[in-house]
Amino acid sequence: MGGPEERRRVVVGVSGSLGSLTALHRAAAEARASGAALRTVLAWEPPGGEISHRGGPCPAPMAAWRRMACERLLSALEDAFGNTEPGIPLEPLVVLGKPGRALLAAADRPDDLLVVGAGARSRLRRAMWPSVSRFCVARSCCPVLTVPPSPLRQALDAVHRRNTWKLPLDMRELAD
């Protein structure tokens, strides 16, 4: 392969959620297997969306929000890989914008591989929040790999429901 500009890339959306960390691990495995660079993308928007800074963004809050986005990406990478190196070239990228558009801009070559979490599957969540994975699959110029939620997600949701409804925990269920 040629220089870094010519190296194949695996691009993954990262938010710090359990689903994005699952996608990040899968993207790292794909990058290792193909000798590609791993480009991690965290898209962010100011609180209130773009409308909040249309009259002219104040530099101080914008810089603070960007710094918080950078810290969130670094925290997600640390959660995923710990203090060890992932063993592949890593290109962290923080982008101001909507997640779907930011991912498509980052994975703009036909030989890239875009990896996204499949996201929530309930009807209510799909109605309330647009699907980044569907947006990317419909518009991408490169292959898109959608990663299903971690099996741990279902267990965490069940524990959360138990806590919300203040139901007792049956210790026998943990042995399964």
C-alpha atoms as a PDB file:
ATOM      1  CA  MET A   1       0.000   0.000   0.000  1.00  0.00           C
ATOM      2  CA  GLY A   2       0.980   3.592  -0.489  1.00  0.00           C
ATOM      3  CA  GLY A   3       1.110   6.466   1.939  1.00  0.00           C
ATOM      4  CA  PRO A   4      -1.443   7.329   4.612  1.00  0.00           C
ATOM      5  CA  GLU A   5      -3.670   9.096   2.050  1.00  0.00           C
ATOM      6  CA  GLU A   6      -4.015   5.829   0.120  1.00  0.00           C
ATOM      7  CA  ARG A   7      -4.517   3.511   3.102  1.00  0.00           C
ATOM      8  CA  ARG A   8      -7.928   1.923   3.369  1.00  0.00           C
ATOM      9  CA  ARG A   9      -9.989   3.308   6.240  1.00  0.00           C
ATOM     10  CA  VAL A  10     -12.598   1.906   8.560  1.00  0.00           C
ATOM     11  CA  VAL A  11     -14.761   4.775   9.773  1.00  0.00           C
ATOM     12  CA  VAL A  12     -16.875   4.389  12.909  1.00  0.00           C
ATOM     13  CA  GLY A  13     -19.311   6.674  14.684  1.00  0.00           C
ATOM     14  CA  VAL A  14     -18.601   7.045  18.394  1.00  0.00           C
ATOM     15  CA  SER A  15     -20.804   8.700  21.003  1.00  0.00           C
ATOM     16  CA  GLY A  16     -19.759   6.898  24.162  1.00  0.00           C
ATOM     17  CA  SER A  17     -22.962   4.833  24.326  1.00  0.00           C
ATOM     18  CA  LEU A  18     -22.822   1.074  24.768  1.00  0.00           C
ATOM     19  CA  GLY A  19     -23.976   0.634  21.157  1.00  0.00           C
ATOM     20  CA  SER A  20     -21.238   2.874  19.800  1.00  0.00           C
ATOM     21  CA  LEU A  21     -18.597   1.073  21.880  1.00  0.00           C
ATOM     22  CA  THR A  22     -19.820  -2.235  20.429  1.00  0.00           C
ATOM     23  CA  ALA A  23     -19.503  -0.742  16.926  1.00  0.00           C
ATOM     24  CA  LEU A  24     -16.047   0.624  17.821  1.00  0.00           C
ATOM     25  CA  HIS A  25     -14.797  -2.830  18.850  1.00  0.00           C
ATOM     26  CA  ARG A  26     -16.158  -4.343  15.636  1.00  0.00           C
ATOM     27  CA  ALA A  27     -14.594  -1.551  13.551  1.00  0.00           C
ATOM     28  CA  ALA A  28     -11.228  -2.100  15.252  1.00  0.00           C
ATOM     29  CA  ALA A  29     -11.439  -5.822  14.447  1.00  0.00           C
ATOM     30  CA  GLU A  30     -12.272  -5.029  10.800  1.00  0.00           C
ATOM     31  CA  ALA A  31      -9.379  -2.559  10.592  1.00  0.00           C
ATOM     32  CA  ARG A  32      -6.930  -5.103  12.061  1.00  0.00           C
ATOM     33  CA  ALA A  33      -8.097  -7.810   9.674  1.00  0.00           C
ATOM     34  CA  SER A  34      -7.722  -5.606   6.597  1.00  0.00           C
ATOM     35  CA  GLY A  35      -4.684  -3.541   7.630  1.00  0.00           C
ATOM     36  CA  ALA A  36      -6.760  -0.369   7.504  1.00  0.00           C
ATOM     37  CA  ALA A  37      -6.614   2.783   9.582  1.00  0.00           C
ATOM     38  CA  LEU A  38      -9.405   3.295  12.115  1.00  0.00           C
ATOM     39  CA  ARG A  39     -11.076   6.711  11.871  1.00  0.00           C
ATOM     40  CA  THR A  40     -13.270   7.395  14.896  1.00  0.00           C
ATOM     41  CA  VAL A  41     -15.844  10.163  14.420  1.00  0.00           C
ATOM     42  CA  LEU A  42     -17.761  11.973  17.125  1.00  0.00           C
ATOM     43  CA  ALA A  43     -20.305  14.457  15.773  1.00  0.00           C
ATOM     44  CA  TRP A  44     -21.587  17.183  18.053  1.00  0.00           C
ATOM     45  CA  GLU A  45     -24.016  20.063  17.945  1.00  0.00           C
ATOM     46  CA  PRO A  46     -24.411  23.006  20.314  1.00  0.00           C
ATOM     47  CA  PRO A  47     -27.146  22.636  22.937  1.00  0.00           C
ATOM     48  CA  GLY A  48     -30.398  23.609  21.263  1.00  0.00           C
ATOM     49  CA  GLY A  49     -29.055  22.644  17.840  1.00  0.00           C
ATOM     50  CA  GLU A  50     -27.873  24.979  15.129  1.00  0.00           C
ATOM     51  CA  ILE A  51     -30.671  27.430  15.751  1.00  0.00           C
ATOM     52  CA  SER A  52     -29.058  28.437  19.040  1.00  0.00           C
ATOM     53  CA  HIS A  53     -26.056  30.009  17.304  1.00  0.00           C
ATOM     54  CA  ARG A  54     -27.517  31.267  14.010  1.00  0.00           C
ATOM     55  CA  GLY A  55     -27.262  34.895  15.074  1.00  0.00           C
ATOM     56  CA  GLY A  56     -23.523  34.411  15.301  1.00  0.00           C
ATOM     57  CA  PRO A  57     -21.796  31.873  17.503  1.00  0.00           C
ATOM     58  CA  CYS A  58     -20.094  33.107  20.619  1.00  0.00           C
ATOM     59  CA  PRO A  59     -16.524  31.824  20.440  1.00  0.00           C
ATOM     60  CA  ALA A  60     -16.205  30.983  24.146  1.00  0.00           C
ATOM     61  CA  PRO A  61     -19.205  28.622  24.401  1.00  0.00           C
ATOM     62  CA  MET A  62     -18.430  27.034  21.026  1.00  0.00           C
ATOM     63  CA  ALA A  63     -14.849  26.341  22.141  1.00  0.00           C
ATOM     64  CA  ALA A  64     -16.096  24.877  25.426  1.00  0.00           C
ATOM     65  CA  TRP A  65     -18.597  22.623  23.641  1.00  0.00           C
ATOM     66  CA  ARG A  66     -15.938  21.461  21.188  1.00  0.00           C
ATOM     67  CA  ARG A  67     -13.556  20.714  24.068  1.00  0.00           C
ATOM     68  CA  MET A  68     -16.303  18.690  25.789  1.00  0.00           C
ATOM     69  CA  ALA A  69     -16.860  16.726  22.562  1.00  0.00           C
ATOM     70  CA  CYS A  70     -13.116  16.004  22.325  1.00  0.00           C
ATOM     71  CA  GLU A  71     -13.090  14.826  25.938  1.00  0.00           C
ATOM     72  CA  ARG A  72     -16.085  12.575  25.265  1.00  0.00           C
ATOM     73  CA  LEU A  73     -14.325  10.975  22.288  1.00  0.00           C
ATOM     74  CA  LEU A  74     -11.133  10.414  24.299  1.00  0.00           C
ATOM     75  CA  SER A  75     -13.190   8.955  27.145  1.00  0.00           C
ATOM     76  CA  ALA A  76     -14.956   6.573  24.743  1.00  0.00           C
ATOM     77  CA  LEU A  77     -11.622   5.449  23.279  1.00  0.00           C
ATOM     78  CA  GLU A  78     -10.279   4.864  26.788  1.00  0.00           C
ATOM     79  CA  ASP A  79     -13.435   2.911  27.710  1.00  0.00           C
ATOM     80  CA  ALA A  80     -13.010   0.766  24.604  1.00  0.00           C
ATOM     81  CA  PHE A  81      -9.261   0.164  24.631  1.00  0.00           C
ATOM     82  CA  GLY A  82      -8.138   1.068  28.156  1.00  0.00           C
ATOM     83  CA  ASN A  83      -4.573   2.289  28.395  1.00  0.00           C
ATOM     84  CA  THR A  84      -3.380  -0.057  25.642  1.00  0.00           C
ATOM     85  CA  GLU A  85      -2.908   0.902  22.027  1.00  0.00           C
ATOM     86  CA  PRO A  86      -5.524  -0.584  19.672  1.00  0.00           C
ATOM     87  CA  GLY A  87      -2.735  -1.972  17.461  1.00  0.00           C
ATOM     88  CA  ILE A  88      -3.859  -0.082  14.342  1.00  0.00           C
ATOM     89  CA  PRO A  89      -3.410   3.481  13.068  1.00  0.00           C
ATOM     90  CA  LEU A  90      -6.025   5.608  14.835  1.00  0.00           C
ATOM     91  CA  GLU A  91      -7.477   8.848  13.430  1.00  0.00           C
ATOM     92  CA  PRO A  92      -9.782  10.504  16.012  1.00  0.00           C
ATOM     93  CA  LEU A  93     -12.048  13.139  14.481  1.00  0.00           C
ATOM     94  CA  VAL A  94     -14.488  15.532  16.190  1.00  0.00           C
ATOM     95  CA  VAL A  95     -16.968  17.184  13.818  1.00  0.00           C
ATOM     96  CA  LEU A  96     -19.535  19.938  14.327  1.00  0.00           C
ATOM     97  CA  GLY A  97     -22.719  18.678  12.690  1.00  0.00           C
ATOM     98  CA  LYS A  98     -25.354  15.991  12.592  1.00  0.00           C
ATOM     99  CA  PRO A  99     -24.023  12.439  13.075  1.00  0.00           C
ATOM    100  CA  GLY A 100     -25.204  10.962   9.755  1.00  0.00           C
ATOM    101  CA  ARG A 101     -23.778  13.767   7.632  1.00  0.00           C
ATOM    102  CA  ALA A 102     -20.524  13.817   9.622  1.00  0.00           C
ATOM    103  CA  LEU A 103     -20.046  10.074   9.116  1.00  0.00           C
ATOM    104  CA  LEU A 104     -20.727  10.288   5.390  1.00  0.00           C
ATOM    105  CA  ALA A 105     -18.236  13.148   5.054  1.00  0.00           C
ATOM    106  CA  ALA A 106     -15.600  11.141   6.954  1.00  0.00           C
ATOM    107  CA  ALA A 107     -16.193   7.977   4.889  1.00  0.00           C
ATOM    108  CA  ASP A 108     -16.083   9.660   1.504  1.00  0.00           C
ATOM    109  CA  ARG A 109     -14.039   7.142  -0.499  1.00  0.00           C
ATOM    110  CA  PRO A 110     -15.484   4.049  -2.199  1.00  0.00           C
ATOM    111  CA  ASP A 111     -12.902   1.772  -0.536  1.00  0.00           C
ATOM    112  CA  ASP A 112     -13.755   2.969   2.995  1.00  0.00           C
ATOM    113  CA  LEU A 113     -15.867   0.828   5.309  1.00  0.00           C
ATOM    114  CA  LEU A 114     -18.376   2.688   7.466  1.00  0.00           C
ATOM    115  CA  VAL A 115     -19.332   0.966  10.721  1.00  0.00           C
ATOM    116  CA  VAL A 116     -22.363   2.167  12.681  1.00  0.00           C
ATOM    117  CA  GLY A 117     -24.382   0.800  15.565  1.00  0.00           C
ATOM    118  CA  ALA A 118     -27.833  -0.445  14.570  1.00  0.00           C
ATOM    119  CA  GLY A 119     -29.366   1.559  17.398  1.00  0.00           C
ATOM    120  CA  ALA A 120     -32.571   1.079  19.311  1.00  0.00           C
ATOM    121  CA  ARG A 121     -35.185  -1.149  17.788  1.00  0.00           C
ATOM    122  CA  SER A 122     -38.350  -0.118  19.625  1.00  0.00           C
ATOM    123  CA  ARG A 123     -41.030   1.724  17.665  1.00  0.00           C
ATOM    124  CA  LEU A 124     -41.120   4.609  20.109  1.00  0.00           C
ATOM    125  CA  ARG A 125     -37.373   5.233  19.907  1.00  0.00           C
ATOM    126  CA  ARG A 126     -37.409   5.042  16.109  1.00  0.00           C
ATOM    127  CA  ALA A 127     -40.263   7.554  16.000  1.00  0.00           C
ATOM    128  CA  MET A 128     -38.601   9.973  18.411  1.00  0.00           C
ATOM    129  CA  TRP A 129     -35.006   9.845  17.140  1.00  0.00           C
ATOM    130  CA  PRO A 130     -34.037   9.457  13.489  1.00  0.00           C
ATOM    131  CA  SER A 131     -31.834   6.487  12.703  1.00  0.00           C
ATOM    132  CA  VAL A 132     -28.236   7.383  11.889  1.00  0.00           C
ATOM    133  CA  SER A 133     -27.615   3.878  10.557  1.00  0.00           C
ATOM    134  CA  ARG A 134     -30.560   4.054   8.140  1.00  0.00           C
ATOM    135  CA  PHE A 135     -29.460   7.510   6.985  1.00  0.00           C
ATOM    136  CA  CYS A 136     -25.940   6.200   6.294  1.00  0.00           C
ATOM    137  CA  VAL A 137     -27.066   3.003   4.560  1.00  0.00           C
ATOM    138  CA  ALA A 138     -29.320   4.987   2.220  1.00  0.00           C
ATOM    139  CA  ARG A 139     -26.713   7.614   1.259  1.00  0.00           C
ATOM    140  CA  SER A 140     -23.220   6.157   1.625  1.00  0.00           C
ATOM    141  CA  CYS A 141     -20.790   5.848  -1.289  1.00  0.00           C
ATOM    142  CA  CYS A 142     -18.974   2.996   0.516  1.00  0.00           C
ATOM    143  CA  PRO A 143     -20.001  -0.274   2.180  1.00  0.00           C
ATOM    144  CA  VAL A 144     -21.782   0.148   5.526  1.00  0.00           C
ATOM    145  CA  LEU A 145     -21.624  -2.420   8.315  1.00  0.00           C
ATOM    146  CA  THR A 146     -24.391  -2.055  10.895  1.00  0.00           C
ATOM    147  CA  VAL A 147     -23.585  -3.667  14.223  1.00  0.00           C
ATOM    148  CA  PRO A 148     -26.465  -4.987  16.340  1.00  0.00           C
ATOM    149  CA  PRO A 149     -26.710  -3.913  19.964  1.00  0.00           C
ATOM    150  CA  SER A 150     -24.571  -5.738  22.502  1.00  0.00           C
ATOM    151  CA  PRO A 151     -26.330  -8.626  24.293  1.00  0.00           C
ATOM    152  CA  LEU A 152     -25.401  -6.733  27.437  1.00  0.00           C
ATOM    153  CA  ARG A 153     -27.807  -3.955  26.369  1.00  0.00           C
ATOM    154  CA  GLN A 154     -30.821  -6.216  26.883  1.00  0.00           C
ATOM    155  CA  ALA A 155     -29.614  -7.233  30.346  1.00  0.00           C
ATOM    156  CA  LEU A 156     -28.993  -3.603  31.326  1.00  0.00           C
ATOM    157  CA  ASP A 157     -32.446  -2.590  30.107  1.00  0.00           C
ATOM    158  CA  ALA A 158     -34.019  -5.367  32.188  1.00  0.00           C
ATOM    159  CA  VAL A 159     -32.146  -4.217  35.314  1.00  0.00           C
ATOM    160  CA  HIS A 160     -33.168  -0.622  34.623  1.00  0.00           C
ATOM    161  CA  ARG A 161     -36.841  -1.642  34.342  1.00  0.00           C
ATOM    162  CA  ARG A 162     -36.547  -3.559  37.633  1.00  0.00           C
ATOM    163  CA  ASN A 163     -35.061  -0.536  39.358  1.00  0.00           C
ATOM    164  CA  THR A 164     -37.674   1.817  37.895  1.00  0.00           C
ATOM    165  CA  TRP A 165     -40.535  -0.380  39.069  1.00  0.00           C
ATOM    166  CA  LYS A 166     -38.734  -1.235  42.346  1.00  0.00           C
ATOM    167  CA  LEU A 167     -39.041  -4.963  41.697  1.00  0.00           C
ATOM    168  CA  PRO A 168     -36.949  -7.388  43.766  1.00  0.00           C
ATOM    169  CA  LEU A 169     -33.976  -9.035  42.077  1.00  0.00           C
ATOM    170  CA  ASP A 170     -34.067 -12.831  41.935  1.00  0.00           C
ATOM    171  CA  MET A 171     -30.444 -13.954  42.373  1.00  0.00           C
ATOM    172  CA  ARG A 172     -31.181 -17.196  40.469  1.00  0.00           C
ATOM    173  CA  GLU A 173     -31.586 -15.118  37.298  1.00  0.00           C
ATOM    174  CA  LEU A 174     -27.971 -13.975  37.537  1.00  0.00           C
ATOM    175  CA  ALA A 175     -26.722 -17.572  37.445  1.00  0.00           C
ATOM    176  CA  ASP A 176     -28.058 -18.120  33.892  1.00  0.00           C
END
